[in-house]
């Protein structure tokens, strides 16, 4: 199966658990013969022949919604990774 993994724009600059989950799942799926391509953010060029899209993270719901819209009618799986970072934002992270 050909898969497209989508995640937040800064997933590889500001690594988190969602990045680790994406990488580890990709590793396992590749060992089982699946093709996994990874794109980030919402401005990616989508030229993959994916059969399924897996979106990681709902931290930035606007970004996630834009990714879903861009995928049209392709089947989508979402790992709804979310953490309330309100207190961190108030403290300037």
Protein backbone atom coordinates (compact mmCIF):
# COMPACT_ATOMS: atom_id res chain seq x y z
CA UNK A 1 0.00 0.00 0.00
CA UNK A 2 1.13 3.55 -0.74
CA UNK A 3 0.68 5.92 2.19
CA UNK A 4 1.10 9.64 2.67
CA UNK A 5 1.87 10.79 6.22
CA UNK A 6 1.03 14.42 6.96
CA UNK A 7 2.07 16.32 10.05
CA UNK A 8 2.53 19.85 11.36
CA UNK A 9 4.87 22.18 9.51
CA UNK A 10 7.55 22.25 12.22
CA UNK A 11 7.44 18.59 13.25
CA UNK A 12 11.09 17.96 12.42
CA UNK A 13 12.38 21.29 13.77
CA UNK A 14 10.43 21.08 17.05
CA UNK A 15 10.31 17.36 17.59
CA UNK A 16 7.66 15.90 19.83
CA UNK A 17 5.84 12.66 20.51
CA UNK A 18 3.87 13.05 17.30
CA UNK A 19 7.13 13.10 15.33
CA UNK A 20 8.38 9.95 17.08
CA UNK A 21 5.05 8.20 16.48
CA UNK A 22 5.14 9.10 12.78
CA UNK A 23 8.74 7.90 12.37
CA UNK A 24 8.25 4.63 14.25
CA UNK A 25 5.01 3.75 12.44
CA UNK A 26 6.67 4.56 9.12
CA UNK A 27 9.60 2.27 9.95
CA UNK A 28 7.32 -0.65 10.77
CA UNK A 29 5.13 -0.18 7.72
CA UNK A 30 8.16 0.03 5.42
CA UNK A 31 9.54 -3.26 6.79
CA UNK A 32 6.18 -4.80 5.82
CA UNK A 33 6.54 -3.62 2.23
CA UNK A 34 4.44 -0.47 2.30
CA UNK A 35 5.58 2.78 0.64
CA UNK A 36 5.44 5.72 3.04
CA UNK A 37 5.97 9.34 1.98
CA UNK A 38 6.01 12.15 4.55
CA UNK A 39 4.93 15.76 4.01
CA UNK A 40 4.50 18.63 6.44
CA UNK A 41 2.30 21.67 6.81
CA UNK A 42 -0.26 22.74 4.25
CA UNK A 43 1.85 24.04 1.36
CA UNK A 44 3.39 20.74 0.35
CA UNK A 45 3.41 19.59 -3.26
CA UNK A 46 1.25 16.50 -3.41
CA UNK A 47 2.42 14.34 -6.30
CA UNK A 48 2.25 11.00 -4.54
CA UNK A 49 0.07 8.17 -5.73
CA UNK A 50 -1.20 7.52 -2.21
CA UNK A 51 -3.98 5.10 -1.41
CA UNK A 52 -4.37 6.33 2.16
CA UNK A 53 -3.43 9.51 4.02
CA UNK A 54 -2.51 9.42 7.71
CA UNK A 55 -2.59 12.79 9.45
CA UNK A 56 -0.69 13.09 12.72
CA UNK A 57 -1.57 15.72 15.29
CA UNK A 58 -4.56 17.96 15.91
CA UNK A 59 -2.64 20.52 17.93
CA UNK A 60 -3.17 23.14 15.26
CA UNK A 61 -6.70 22.37 14.13
CA UNK A 62 -6.61 24.91 11.28
CA UNK A 63 -3.56 23.21 9.80
CA UNK A 64 -5.18 19.78 10.18
CA UNK A 65 -8.41 20.98 8.55
CA UNK A 66 -6.46 22.41 5.60
CA UNK A 67 -4.64 19.10 5.16
CA UNK A 68 -7.94 17.21 5.17
CA UNK A 69 -9.42 19.57 2.58
CA UNK A 70 -6.39 19.20 0.32
CA UNK A 71 -6.74 15.42 0.27
CA UNK A 72 -10.17 15.48 -1.33
CA UNK A 73 -11.75 12.04 -1.50
CA UNK A 74 -8.77 9.94 -0.43
CA UNK A 75 -9.32 7.76 2.65
CA UNK A 76 -7.86 9.49 5.72
CA UNK A 77 -6.75 8.19 9.10
CA UNK A 78 -6.07 10.69 11.87
CA UNK A 79 -4.00 10.17 14.99
CA UNK A 80 -5.61 12.89 17.13
CA UNK A 81 -2.55 13.79 19.17
CA UNK A 82 -3.39 16.82 21.28
CA UNK A 83 -2.01 18.48 24.40
CA UNK A 84 -3.32 21.59 26.11
CA UNK A 85 -0.35 23.98 25.97
CA UNK A 86 -2.23 27.03 27.23
CA UNK A 87 -0.09 27.38 30.34
CA UNK A 88 3.11 27.03 28.31
CA UNK A 89 1.93 29.69 25.87
CA UNK A 90 1.19 32.08 28.75
CA UNK A 91 4.72 31.58 30.05
CA UNK A 92 6.26 32.05 26.62
CA UNK A 93 7.19 28.38 26.38
